[in-house]
N, C-alpha and C. Protein backbone atom coordinates (compact mmCIF):
# COMPACT_ATOMS: atom_id res chain seq x y z
N MET A 1 -9.43 21.18 -15.70
CA MET A 1 -7.28 20.18 -16.06
C MET A 1 -7.55 18.99 -16.26
N PRO A 2 -7.21 18.62 -17.78
CA PRO A 2 -7.22 17.37 -18.98
C PRO A 2 -6.61 16.08 -17.83
N GLY A 3 -6.52 15.26 -17.85
CA GLY A 3 -5.49 14.55 -17.81
C GLY A 3 -4.28 13.57 -17.99
N GLY A 4 -4.75 14.06 -19.62
CA GLY A 4 -3.89 13.38 -19.73
C GLY A 4 -2.44 14.45 -20.83
N ASP A 5 -1.71 13.51 -21.71
CA ASP A 5 -0.35 13.92 -21.46
C ASP A 5 -0.14 15.52 -21.52
N ASP A 6 -1.31 16.43 -22.32
CA ASP A 6 -0.86 17.54 -22.97
C ASP A 6 -0.02 18.44 -21.11
N SER A 7 0.33 19.34 -21.68
CA SER A 7 1.30 20.07 -20.16
C SER A 7 1.25 21.26 -20.45
N THR A 8 0.45 21.85 -19.74
CA THR A 8 -0.67 23.46 -19.75
C THR A 8 -0.37 24.14 -18.53
N PRO A 9 -0.51 25.45 -18.21
CA PRO A 9 -0.06 25.99 -17.21
C PRO A 9 -1.07 26.21 -16.60
N ALA A 10 -2.05 25.75 -16.35
CA ALA A 10 -3.57 25.00 -15.33
C ALA A 10 -3.30 23.88 -15.41
N ARG A 11 -2.70 23.27 -16.10
CA ARG A 11 -2.08 20.94 -15.87
C ARG A 11 -1.14 21.75 -14.88
N GLU A 12 0.06 21.96 -15.12
CA GLU A 12 1.94 23.00 -14.21
C GLU A 12 1.50 22.92 -12.92
N ASP A 13 -0.19 24.07 -12.62
CA ASP A 13 0.01 24.86 -11.65
C ASP A 13 -0.93 23.78 -9.98
N ALA A 14 -1.37 22.29 -10.98
CA ALA A 14 -1.93 21.38 -9.87
C ALA A 14 -0.66 20.79 -9.97
N VAL A 15 -0.55 20.39 -10.31
CA VAL A 15 0.93 19.43 -10.05
C VAL A 15 1.38 19.90 -8.92
N ALA A 16 2.09 20.98 -9.07
CA ALA A 16 2.39 21.66 -7.98
C ALA A 16 1.97 21.99 -6.65
N ALA A 17 1.05 22.60 -7.50
CA ALA A 17 -0.11 22.42 -6.02
C ALA A 17 -0.04 21.61 -4.54
N GLY A 18 -0.64 20.17 -5.01
CA GLY A 18 -0.91 19.36 -5.58
C GLY A 18 0.57 18.33 -4.62
N ALA A 19 1.86 18.50 -5.14
CA ALA A 19 3.38 18.61 -4.72
C ALA A 19 3.66 18.76 -2.92
N ALA A 20 2.91 20.50 -3.28
CA ALA A 20 3.32 21.38 -2.21
C ALA A 20 2.92 20.89 -1.59
N ALA A 21 1.10 20.00 -1.65
CA ALA A 21 0.81 19.72 -0.75
C ALA A 21 1.24 18.31 0.29
N ILE A 22 1.52 17.54 -0.65
CA ILE A 22 2.68 16.70 -0.25
C ILE A 22 3.52 16.46 0.77
N THR A 23 4.68 17.78 -0.34
CA THR A 23 6.08 18.10 0.99
C THR A 23 5.01 18.73 2.12
N GLU A 24 3.89 18.86 2.00
CA GLU A 24 3.55 20.16 3.61
C GLU A 24 2.83 18.96 4.43
N GLY A 25 2.68 18.18 4.28
CA GLY A 25 1.46 16.58 4.96
C GLY A 25 1.15 16.50 5.18
N GLN A 26 -0.21 17.43 3.79
CA GLN A 26 -1.65 17.53 3.82
C GLN A 26 -1.40 16.08 2.69
N LEU A 27 -2.88 16.24 2.06
CA LEU A 27 -3.96 15.12 1.48
C LEU A 27 -3.95 15.32 0.46
N VAL A 28 -3.51 14.87 -0.65
CA VAL A 28 -3.99 15.12 -1.85
C VAL A 28 -5.43 14.31 -2.67
N VAL A 29 -6.39 14.07 -3.81
CA VAL A 29 -6.54 13.17 -4.52
C VAL A 29 -6.78 13.22 -6.36
N TYR A 30 -5.00 12.02 -6.61
CA TYR A 30 -5.62 11.91 -7.93
C TYR A 30 -6.31 11.10 -8.20
N PRO A 31 -5.48 11.45 -10.29
CA PRO A 31 -6.20 10.12 -10.50
C PRO A 31 -5.44 8.91 -11.23
N THR A 32 -5.41 7.57 -11.15
CA THR A 32 -5.20 6.90 -11.58
C THR A 32 -5.22 6.02 -12.50
N GLU A 33 -5.05 4.98 -13.24
CA GLU A 33 -5.20 4.32 -14.71
C GLU A 33 -6.84 3.74 -13.91
N THR A 34 -6.95 4.02 -12.60
CA THR A 34 -7.98 2.55 -12.07
C THR A 34 -8.79 2.71 -11.72
N VAL A 35 -8.51 4.34 -10.40
CA VAL A 35 -9.73 4.76 -9.44
C VAL A 35 -8.46 6.37 -9.04
N TYR A 36 -8.85 7.35 -8.29
CA TYR A 36 -8.56 7.56 -7.87
C TYR A 36 -7.53 7.89 -6.75
N GLY A 37 -7.10 7.92 -6.52
CA GLY A 37 -6.31 7.97 -5.15
C GLY A 37 -6.44 9.00 -4.37
N LEU A 38 -6.38 7.80 -3.02
CA LEU A 38 -5.92 9.26 -1.58
C LEU A 38 -3.88 9.31 -1.69
N GLY A 39 -3.16 11.02 -1.52
CA GLY A 39 -1.81 10.97 -1.38
C GLY A 39 -1.36 11.49 -0.67
N ALA A 40 -0.18 11.40 0.27
CA ALA A 40 0.22 11.16 1.29
C ALA A 40 2.10 11.49 0.92
N ASP A 41 2.38 11.73 2.16
CA ASP A 41 4.04 11.49 1.81
C ASP A 41 3.96 10.51 2.65
N ALA A 42 4.51 9.41 1.51
CA ALA A 42 4.73 7.80 2.52
C ALA A 42 5.53 7.19 3.69
N LEU A 43 6.42 8.58 3.38
CA LEU A 43 7.70 8.79 4.54
C LEU A 43 7.40 9.50 5.81
N ASN A 44 6.74 9.79 5.47
CA ASN A 44 5.99 11.00 6.74
C ASN A 44 5.18 9.77 7.39
N PRO A 45 5.47 9.35 8.95
CA PRO A 45 4.00 8.98 9.69
C PRO A 45 3.12 9.81 9.84
N ALA A 46 3.51 10.71 10.31
CA ALA A 46 2.12 11.67 10.47
C ALA A 46 1.12 12.23 9.67
N ALA A 47 1.59 11.92 8.17
CA ALA A 47 0.86 12.20 7.02
C ALA A 47 0.44 10.89 7.00
N VAL A 48 0.83 9.54 6.67
CA VAL A 48 0.31 8.52 6.53
C VAL A 48 -0.69 8.52 7.23
N GLU A 49 -0.97 8.35 8.74
CA GLU A 49 -1.87 8.54 9.70
C GLU A 49 -3.34 9.56 9.13
N ARG A 50 -2.81 10.14 8.37
CA ARG A 50 -4.11 11.40 8.67
C ARG A 50 -4.10 10.54 7.30
N ALA A 51 -3.30 10.61 6.18
CA ALA A 51 -3.83 8.86 5.15
C ALA A 51 -5.03 8.06 5.72
N PHE A 52 -5.06 7.24 6.86
CA PHE A 52 -6.30 6.17 7.41
C PHE A 52 -7.51 7.07 8.03
N ASP A 53 -7.06 8.23 8.59
CA ASP A 53 -8.22 9.09 9.90
C ASP A 53 -9.01 9.51 8.41
N ALA A 54 -8.58 9.52 7.30
CA ALA A 54 -9.56 10.14 5.97
C ALA A 54 -9.81 9.21 6.32
N LYS A 55 -9.85 8.56 5.67
CA LYS A 55 -10.47 7.02 4.39
C LYS A 55 -10.66 6.30 6.19
N ASP A 56 -10.29 6.39 7.90
CA ASP A 56 -11.68 5.56 8.53
C ASP A 56 -11.62 4.00 8.25
N ARG A 57 -9.97 3.90 8.09
CA ARG A 57 -9.40 2.54 7.93
C ARG A 57 -8.54 2.50 8.97
N ASP A 58 -8.70 0.32 9.40
CA ASP A 58 -8.53 0.20 10.68
C ASP A 58 -6.57 0.11 9.61
N ARG A 59 -5.84 0.51 11.47
CA ARG A 59 -4.43 0.28 10.80
C ARG A 59 -3.03 -0.52 11.46
N SER A 60 -4.97 -1.92 10.90
CA SER A 60 -3.95 -2.97 10.50
C SER A 60 -3.81 -3.55 9.12
N LYS A 61 -4.44 -2.91 8.10
CA LYS A 61 -4.07 -2.75 6.83
C LYS A 61 -3.33 -1.79 5.73
N PRO A 62 -2.27 -2.05 5.83
CA PRO A 62 -1.24 -1.92 5.03
C PRO A 62 -1.63 -0.13 3.83
N LEU A 63 -0.92 0.23 3.62
CA LEU A 63 -1.45 0.53 2.42
C LEU A 63 0.12 0.99 1.31
N SER A 64 0.17 1.16 0.10
CA SER A 64 0.65 1.22 -0.34
C SER A 64 1.17 2.38 -1.28
N MET A 65 2.51 1.96 -1.97
CA MET A 65 3.03 3.28 -1.81
C MET A 65 3.57 4.17 -3.51
N GLY A 66 3.26 4.85 -4.06
CA GLY A 66 3.45 4.88 -5.58
C GLY A 66 4.73 6.02 -5.27
N VAL A 67 5.58 5.50 -7.44
CA VAL A 67 6.65 5.90 -7.50
C VAL A 67 6.16 6.38 -8.57
N PRO A 68 7.52 7.97 -9.11
CA PRO A 68 7.10 7.41 -10.91
C PRO A 68 8.46 6.95 -11.06
N SER A 69 8.80 5.13 -11.05
CA SER A 69 9.16 4.55 -12.00
C SER A 69 9.72 3.38 -11.31
N VAL A 70 9.97 2.45 -12.29
CA VAL A 70 10.88 1.29 -11.57
C VAL A 70 12.36 1.74 -10.00
N ALA A 71 12.79 2.90 -11.14
CA ALA A 71 13.85 2.34 -10.71
C ALA A 71 13.65 3.67 -9.61
N ALA A 72 13.33 4.10 -9.42
CA ALA A 72 12.91 5.15 -8.17
C ALA A 72 12.56 3.66 -6.75
N ALA A 73 11.31 2.72 -7.90
CA ALA A 73 10.85 1.81 -6.30
C ALA A 73 11.90 1.67 -5.56
N ARG A 74 13.73 1.18 -6.19
CA ARG A 74 14.86 0.34 -5.66
C ARG A 74 14.58 1.09 -4.73
N GLU A 75 14.49 2.24 -4.75
CA GLU A 75 15.27 3.33 -3.45
C GLU A 75 14.97 3.26 -2.38
N HIS A 76 13.32 2.04 -2.51
CA HIS A 76 12.29 1.86 -0.87
C HIS A 76 12.16 1.22 -1.03
N VAL A 77 12.80 -0.40 -1.57
CA VAL A 77 12.65 -1.52 -1.81
C VAL A 77 13.48 -2.24 -2.22
N TYR A 78 13.49 -3.76 -1.12
CA TYR A 78 14.57 -4.60 -1.78
C TYR A 78 14.04 -6.02 -2.63
N ALA A 79 14.23 -5.28 -4.05
CA ALA A 79 13.95 -6.35 -4.48
C ALA A 79 15.20 -6.98 -5.65
N ASP A 80 15.23 -8.09 -5.97
CA ASP A 80 15.93 -9.36 -6.33
C ASP A 80 15.24 -8.83 -8.04
N ASP A 81 16.99 -9.85 -8.49
CA ASP A 81 16.38 -9.09 -10.35
C ASP A 81 14.78 -10.14 -10.58
N HIS A 82 14.65 -10.93 -9.88
CA HIS A 82 13.53 -11.37 -10.65
C HIS A 82 12.12 -10.52 -10.27
N ALA A 83 12.31 -9.57 -9.01
CA ALA A 83 10.84 -9.27 -8.61
C ALA A 83 11.22 -7.58 -10.16
N MET A 84 12.98 -7.03 -10.37
CA MET A 84 13.15 -5.82 -10.79
C MET A 84 12.20 -6.42 -11.96
N ALA A 85 12.82 -8.07 -13.12
CA ALA A 85 12.20 -8.04 -14.20
C ALA A 85 10.77 -8.52 -14.50
N PHE A 86 9.54 -9.13 -13.11
CA PHE A 86 8.57 -8.60 -13.53
C PHE A 86 8.00 -7.33 -13.35
N MET A 87 8.84 -6.20 -12.54
CA MET A 87 7.90 -5.09 -12.51
C MET A 87 8.70 -4.92 -13.25
N ARG A 88 9.24 -4.42 -14.67
CA ARG A 88 9.59 -4.30 -15.81
C ARG A 88 8.93 -4.03 -16.47
N ALA A 89 8.11 -6.21 -16.63
CA ALA A 89 8.25 -6.34 -17.29
C ALA A 89 5.94 -6.19 -17.15
N PHE A 90 5.43 -5.03 -15.94
CA PHE A 90 4.39 -4.84 -16.09
C PHE A 90 4.17 -3.42 -15.34
N LEU A 91 4.88 -2.71 -14.53
CA LEU A 91 4.93 -0.78 -14.73
C LEU A 91 5.62 -0.44 -15.48
N PRO A 92 5.06 0.87 -15.50
CA PRO A 92 3.66 1.40 -15.38
C PRO A 92 2.52 0.51 -15.30
N GLY A 93 1.85 0.32 -14.91
CA GLY A 93 0.32 0.01 -15.18
C GLY A 93 -0.58 -1.41 -13.76
N PRO A 94 -1.27 -1.52 -14.23
CA PRO A 94 -2.87 -2.19 -13.09
C PRO A 94 -2.29 -2.72 -12.23
N VAL A 95 -1.05 -2.39 -11.09
CA VAL A 95 -0.14 -3.60 -11.14
C VAL A 95 0.60 -3.70 -9.36
N THR A 96 0.23 -3.74 -8.77
CA THR A 96 0.56 -3.29 -7.27
C THR A 96 1.51 -4.71 -6.99
N VAL A 97 2.96 -4.49 -6.26
CA VAL A 97 4.01 -5.89 -6.50
C VAL A 97 4.45 -5.46 -5.10
N LEU A 98 4.12 -6.51 -4.40
CA LEU A 98 4.40 -6.76 -3.51
C LEU A 98 6.26 -6.47 -3.07
N CYS A 99 7.17 -6.42 -2.55
CA CYS A 99 8.87 -6.68 -1.66
C CYS A 99 8.66 -5.94 -0.62
N PRO A 100 9.89 -6.04 -0.53
CA PRO A 100 10.15 -6.61 0.65
C PRO A 100 10.80 -4.51 1.20
N ARG A 101 10.19 -4.36 2.12
CA ARG A 101 10.32 -3.05 2.29
C ARG A 101 11.89 -2.14 2.90
N ALA A 102 12.57 -1.32 2.53
CA ALA A 102 13.88 -1.16 2.87
C ALA A 102 13.38 -0.09 5.08
N GLU A 103 14.15 -0.48 5.61
CA GLU A 103 14.15 0.08 6.90
C GLU A 103 13.39 1.45 7.42
N HIS A 104 13.95 2.50 6.14
CA HIS A 104 12.98 3.16 6.25
C HIS A 104 11.53 4.49 6.32
N VAL A 105 11.26 2.77 5.43
CA VAL A 105 9.07 3.16 5.01
C VAL A 105 9.22 2.63 6.49
N PRO A 106 7.82 3.80 7.06
CA PRO A 106 7.63 3.74 8.50
C PRO A 106 6.47 3.00 8.42
N ASP A 107 6.83 1.52 9.61
CA ASP A 107 5.86 0.82 10.40
C ASP A 107 4.17 1.62 10.33
N VAL A 108 4.18 3.00 9.94
CA VAL A 108 2.97 2.80 10.13
C VAL A 108 1.91 2.14 8.97
N LEU A 109 3.38 2.30 7.70
CA LEU A 109 2.80 2.74 6.12
C LEU A 109 1.85 0.68 5.58
N VAL A 110 3.25 0.08 6.44
CA VAL A 110 3.17 -1.46 6.12
C VAL A 110 2.68 -1.90 7.45
N ALA A 111 2.09 -1.61 8.64
CA ALA A 111 0.94 -2.44 9.69
C ALA A 111 2.05 -3.27 10.29
N GLY A 112 3.30 -2.80 9.95
CA GLY A 112 4.47 -3.65 10.95
C GLY A 112 5.05 -4.59 9.94
N GLY A 113 4.43 -5.00 8.97
CA GLY A 113 5.28 -6.11 8.04
C GLY A 113 6.37 -5.68 7.58
N ASP A 114 6.44 -7.00 7.44
CA ASP A 114 7.76 -7.15 5.83
C ASP A 114 8.08 -6.16 4.52
N THR A 115 6.95 -6.59 4.12
CA THR A 115 6.62 -5.99 2.90
C THR A 115 6.40 -4.74 2.45
N VAL A 116 6.21 -3.63 0.95
CA VAL A 116 5.16 -2.94 0.86
C VAL A 116 4.86 -2.91 -0.36
N GLY A 117 2.86 -2.47 -0.29
CA GLY A 117 2.77 -2.97 -1.75
C GLY A 117 3.72 -1.35 -2.92
N VAL A 118 4.20 -1.73 -4.43
CA VAL A 118 4.49 -0.49 -5.43
C VAL A 118 3.80 -0.32 -6.65
N ARG A 119 3.43 1.06 -6.62
CA ARG A 119 2.69 1.56 -7.50
C ARG A 119 3.37 1.84 -8.72
N VAL A 120 3.10 2.09 -9.68
CA VAL A 120 3.62 2.62 -10.61
C VAL A 120 2.58 3.27 -11.96
N PRO A 121 1.53 3.98 -11.92
CA PRO A 121 0.34 3.53 -12.21
C PRO A 121 1.05 4.47 -13.63
N ALA A 122 0.19 3.91 -15.15
CA ALA A 122 -0.20 4.26 -16.15
C ALA A 122 -1.10 5.31 -16.09
N HIS A 123 -0.06 6.43 -16.18
CA HIS A 123 -1.20 8.24 -16.03
C HIS A 123 -0.17 8.84 -15.33
N ASP A 124 -0.24 9.69 -16.69
CA ASP A 124 0.38 10.52 -16.57
C ASP A 124 0.59 11.19 -15.46
N LEU A 125 -0.76 11.92 -15.26
CA LEU A 125 -0.78 13.05 -14.37
C LEU A 125 -0.46 12.21 -13.03
N ALA A 126 -0.27 11.26 -12.60
CA ALA A 126 -0.26 10.28 -11.22
C ALA A 126 1.36 10.27 -11.32
N LEU A 127 1.73 9.96 -12.54
CA LEU A 127 3.76 10.29 -12.24
C LEU A 127 4.12 11.67 -11.95
N ASP A 128 3.00 12.38 -12.75
CA ASP A 128 3.96 13.71 -12.91
C ASP A 128 3.68 14.22 -11.44
N LEU A 129 3.20 13.78 -10.18
CA LEU A 129 3.39 13.91 -9.27
C LEU A 129 3.74 14.26 -8.36
N PHE A 130 3.97 12.25 -8.37
CA PHE A 130 4.71 11.59 -7.97
C PHE A 130 6.60 12.19 -7.95
N GLU A 131 6.28 12.29 -9.42
CA GLU A 131 8.06 12.76 -9.35
C GLU A 131 8.02 14.44 -8.93
N ALA A 132 6.92 14.86 -9.04
CA ALA A 132 7.14 17.16 -8.57
C ALA A 132 7.23 16.38 -6.76
N ALA A 133 7.00 15.21 -6.19
CA ALA A 133 6.54 15.77 -4.75
C ALA A 133 8.30 14.73 -4.24
N GLY A 134 8.52 14.19 -4.97
CA GLY A 134 9.79 13.37 -4.75
C GLY A 134 10.30 13.08 -3.26
N THR A 135 8.88 11.83 -3.52
CA THR A 135 9.11 10.99 -2.06
C THR A 135 7.69 10.37 -2.64
N PRO A 136 7.31 8.47 -2.73
CA PRO A 136 7.28 8.30 -2.08
C PRO A 136 5.72 8.70 -1.75
N VAL A 137 4.00 8.34 -2.15
CA VAL A 137 2.52 8.86 -1.97
C VAL A 137 2.17 7.57 -2.41
N THR A 138 1.30 7.87 -1.04
CA THR A 138 0.43 6.11 -0.18
C THR A 138 0.05 6.70 -1.92
N ALA A 139 -0.20 5.07 -2.32
CA ALA A 139 -1.63 4.74 -3.44
C ALA A 139 -2.54 3.68 -2.45
N THR A 140 -3.53 4.32 -2.52
CA THR A 140 -5.31 4.03 -2.07
C THR A 140 -6.32 4.75 -2.19
N SER A 141 -7.22 4.22 -2.16
CA SER A 141 -7.98 4.54 -2.83
C SER A 141 -9.07 5.56 -2.26
N ALA A 142 -9.00 7.34 -3.00
CA ALA A 142 -9.43 7.50 -2.50
C ALA A 142 -11.65 7.45 -2.35
N ASN A 143 -11.55 7.12 -1.06
CA ASN A 143 -13.22 6.87 -0.43
C ASN A 143 -12.76 6.49 0.64
N ARG A 144 -13.84 6.57 2.04
CA ARG A 144 -14.10 6.13 3.15
C ARG A 144 -13.82 4.61 3.13
N SER A 145 -13.06 3.43 4.02
CA SER A 145 -13.32 2.39 4.29
C SER A 145 -14.68 1.61 3.89
N GLY A 146 -14.57 0.47 3.18
CA GLY A 146 -16.58 0.39 2.45
C GLY A 146 -16.87 0.92 1.95
N GLU A 147 -16.29 1.94 1.67
CA GLU A 147 -17.58 2.92 0.31
C GLU A 147 -17.32 2.43 -1.10
N PRO A 148 -17.89 3.02 -2.25
CA PRO A 148 -17.18 1.85 -3.04
C PRO A 148 -15.96 3.23 -4.22
N SER A 149 -15.33 3.02 -4.72
CA SER A 149 -14.06 3.89 -5.18
C SER A 149 -14.85 4.84 -5.72
N VAL A 150 -13.81 5.85 -5.90
CA VAL A 150 -14.40 7.12 -7.04
C VAL A 150 -14.03 6.72 -8.26
N ARG A 151 -14.35 7.15 -9.55
CA ARG A 151 -13.59 7.11 -10.71
C ARG A 151 -14.17 8.74 -11.26
N HIS A 152 -14.48 9.26 -10.77
CA HIS A 152 -14.45 10.68 -10.97
C HIS A 152 -14.80 12.39 -9.67
N PRO A 153 -13.82 13.09 -10.15
CA PRO A 153 -14.36 13.69 -8.53
C PRO A 153 -15.42 14.12 -8.07
N ASP A 154 -16.01 14.04 -9.19
CA ASP A 154 -17.51 14.69 -8.57
C ASP A 154 -18.39 13.44 -7.95
N ASP A 155 -17.60 12.63 -7.86
CA ASP A 155 -18.53 11.55 -7.40
C ASP A 155 -17.96 11.32 -5.08
N LEU A 156 -16.50 12.24 -5.71
CA LEU A 156 -16.12 12.77 -3.52
C LEU A 156 -17.15 12.66 -2.66
N ASP A 157 -16.89 11.82 -1.94
CA ASP A 157 -17.89 12.67 -0.33
C ASP A 157 -17.20 13.75 0.24
N PRO A 158 -18.75 14.36 0.09
CA PRO A 158 -18.25 15.70 0.60
C PRO A 158 -17.58 16.31 1.83
N ALA A 159 -18.33 15.05 2.49
CA ALA A 159 -17.55 14.43 3.87
C ALA A 159 -15.23 14.71 3.50
N PHE A 160 -15.25 13.51 3.00
CA PHE A 160 -14.07 13.50 2.61
C PHE A 160 -13.39 14.42 2.28
N ARG A 161 -13.54 14.59 1.38
CA ARG A 161 -13.32 16.06 0.34
C ARG A 161 -12.57 17.39 1.36
N GLU A 162 -13.16 17.26 2.75
CA GLU A 162 -12.65 18.68 3.09
C GLU A 162 -11.94 18.03 3.99
N SER A 163 -11.36 16.35 4.27
CA SER A 163 -10.14 16.15 4.76
C SER A 163 -8.88 16.48 3.32
N VAL A 164 -9.08 16.70 2.71
CA VAL A 164 -8.08 16.83 1.36
C VAL A 164 -7.71 18.31 1.02
N ALA A 165 -6.36 18.85 0.58
CA ALA A 165 -5.97 20.00 0.45
C ALA A 165 -6.21 20.00 -1.18
N THR A 166 -5.82 19.33 -1.35
CA THR A 166 -7.04 19.57 -3.45
C THR A 166 -6.69 18.31 -4.45
N VAL A 167 -7.30 18.37 -5.40
CA VAL A 167 -8.11 17.59 -6.12
C VAL A 167 -7.43 17.89 -7.32
N LEU A 168 -6.85 16.51 -8.25
CA LEU A 168 -5.72 17.00 -9.35
C LEU A 168 -7.14 15.72 -10.17
N ASP A 169 -7.96 16.95 -11.33
CA ASP A 169 -8.80 16.30 -12.08
C ASP A 169 -8.67 15.89 -13.24
N GLY A 170 -8.85 14.91 -13.10
CA GLY A 170 -8.26 14.26 -14.57
C GLY A 170 -9.04 12.87 -15.22
N GLY A 171 -10.69 13.57 -14.80
CA GLY A 171 -11.72 12.97 -15.52
C GLY A 171 -12.21 11.86 -14.72
N ARG A 172 -12.95 10.63 -15.83
CA ARG A 172 -13.37 9.69 -15.69
C ARG A 172 -11.83 8.61 -15.28
N THR A 173 -12.08 8.26 -14.46
CA THR A 173 -11.40 6.45 -14.45
C THR A 173 -11.44 5.44 -15.09
N ASP A 174 -10.95 3.61 -15.20
CA ASP A 174 -10.77 3.06 -15.76
C ASP A 174 -11.84 2.66 -14.35
N GLY A 175 -11.65 2.42 -13.55
CA GLY A 175 -12.44 1.37 -12.47
C GLY A 175 -11.86 -0.12 -11.54
N ALA A 176 -10.88 -0.47 -13.52
CA ALA A 176 -10.84 -1.71 -12.05
C ALA A 176 -9.68 -1.76 -11.11
N GLU A 177 -10.21 -2.78 -10.69
CA GLU A 177 -9.15 -2.39 -9.21
C GLU A 177 -7.21 -3.45 -10.11
N SER A 178 -6.45 -2.33 -9.58
CA SER A 178 -5.37 -3.55 -9.15
C SER A 178 -4.64 -4.91 -9.47
N THR A 179 -4.17 -5.76 -10.17
CA THR A 179 -4.03 -7.13 -9.04
C THR A 179 -2.64 -6.75 -8.24
N VAL A 180 -3.18 -7.39 -7.05
CA VAL A 180 -1.70 -7.44 -6.53
C VAL A 180 -1.07 -9.02 -6.83
N VAL A 181 0.82 -8.43 -6.59
CA VAL A 181 1.42 -9.29 -6.97
C VAL A 181 2.48 -9.65 -5.51
N ASP A 182 3.03 -10.87 -5.04
CA ASP A 182 3.99 -10.47 -4.87
C ASP A 182 4.77 -12.36 -5.73
N PRO A 183 6.59 -11.38 -6.22
CA PRO A 183 6.72 -11.81 -7.34
C PRO A 183 7.69 -13.14 -5.99
N ALA A 184 8.41 -13.23 -5.33
CA ALA A 184 8.74 -13.83 -4.77
C ALA A 184 7.96 -14.82 -4.14
N THR A 185 6.82 -15.61 -4.33
CA THR A 185 6.24 -16.42 -4.50
C THR A 185 4.97 -16.94 -5.21
N GLY A 186 5.78 -15.75 -6.31
CA GLY A 186 4.43 -16.27 -7.44
C GLY A 186 2.67 -16.48 -7.36
N GLU A 187 2.68 -15.80 -5.83
CA GLU A 187 0.98 -15.87 -5.78
C GLU A 187 0.29 -14.32 -6.32
N ILE A 188 -0.56 -14.76 -6.82
CA ILE A 188 -1.38 -13.76 -7.06
C ILE A 188 -2.24 -13.14 -5.50
N VAL A 189 -2.56 -12.01 -4.56
CA VAL A 189 -3.02 -11.84 -3.35
C VAL A 189 -4.40 -11.59 -3.61
N ARG A 190 -4.24 -10.46 -4.89
CA ARG A 190 -5.66 -9.89 -5.39
C ARG A 190 -5.42 -9.77 -6.63
N GLU A 191 -6.25 -10.19 -7.61
CA GLU A 191 -6.38 -10.64 -8.45
C GLU A 191 -7.49 -9.57 -9.27
N GLY A 192 -7.19 -8.09 -11.00
CA GLY A 192 -7.51 -7.45 -10.70
C GLY A 192 -7.55 -7.68 -12.35
N ALA A 193 -6.85 -6.10 -12.92
CA ALA A 193 -6.69 -6.24 -13.90
C ALA A 193 -5.29 -6.66 -14.14
N LEU A 194 -4.91 -7.45 -15.87
CA LEU A 194 -3.78 -7.89 -16.70
C LEU A 194 -3.70 -9.52 -15.64
N ALA A 195 -4.94 -9.47 -14.83
CA ALA A 195 -4.12 -11.04 -14.08
C ALA A 195 -3.28 -12.29 -14.95
N GLY A 196 -4.67 -12.79 -16.16
CA GLY A 196 -4.02 -13.48 -16.88
C GLY A 196 -2.27 -13.73 -17.50
N ALA A 197 -2.29 -11.83 -17.58
CA ALA A 197 -1.49 -11.69 -18.49
C ALA A 197 0.33 -12.09 -17.02
N ILE A 198 -0.35 -11.01 -16.23
CA ILE A 198 0.29 -11.38 -14.91
C ILE A 198 0.40 -13.36 -14.42
N GLU A 199 -0.29 -14.37 -14.43
CA GLU A 199 -0.40 -15.43 -14.41
C GLU A 199 1.08 -15.90 -15.59
N ALA A 200 1.03 -15.56 -16.56
CA ALA A 200 0.54 -16.95 -17.39
C ALA A 200 2.98 -16.07 -17.15
N TRP A 201 2.52 -15.49 -16.57
CA TRP A 201 4.13 -14.57 -17.21
C TRP A 201 4.86 -14.94 -15.42
N LEU A 202 4.55 -15.71 -14.52
CA LEU A 202 4.55 -15.85 -13.41
C LEU A 202 4.62 -17.66 -13.59
N ASP A 203 3.82 -18.19 -14.56
CA ASP A 203 4.67 -19.69 -14.91
C ASP A 203 5.22 -19.84 -15.71
N GLU A 204 6.10 -18.64 -16.37
CA GLU A 204 6.43 -18.46 -17.28
C GLU A 204 8.99 -18.35 -16.30
N HIS A 205 8.72 -17.58 -15.35
CA HIS A 205 8.92 -17.25 -14.86
C HIS A 205 9.59 -17.75 -13.10
N PRO A 206 9.78 -18.26 -13.17
CA PRO A 206 9.04 -19.19 -11.45
C PRO A 206 10.48 -17.66 -10.54
N ALA A 207 10.23 -18.12 -9.75
CA ALA A 207 11.26 -17.51 -8.43
C ALA A 207 12.73 -18.21 -8.62
């Protein structure tokens, strides 16, 4: 199944299967413009726990959530005009934007913190999955913690693969990390793709 923006029965079936799995609280591997991600219903604490378990990830390290659009993000975070302007400038794209979370975002996702990372990937297959799922989807790399990120489904660890319901194959991904940004403070928390352009925007648009 290709990862482009074509619409084929195989692609549509794969997206539907992935969305159904997420709705049922299961895990899905999906492509982004950076690396492959591990998806679960980000508003379902039990599903988020499964994602932590599959990654063997410390519960003190929060997960981000993926949504299909900037408009969809506003349903789950509190974003002022400055944050919205930043998101509109860089999303969809390889950027994770930290925003104050809404009350319904579960503690387990954000390790009890007040903010949540928002991803709107520049990848049609990921966006189709998020749209079809009808809920924010965890946006974390599809690998066990400490192991290399996955750029192609063939690179998935077999044991990790067994923990997920389905894999959406979008071919090989770029591999660059997303840049993590807190627009409220103007801080680049982690440098990655587009870091230079982001730094310039933050300098020109102070909070």
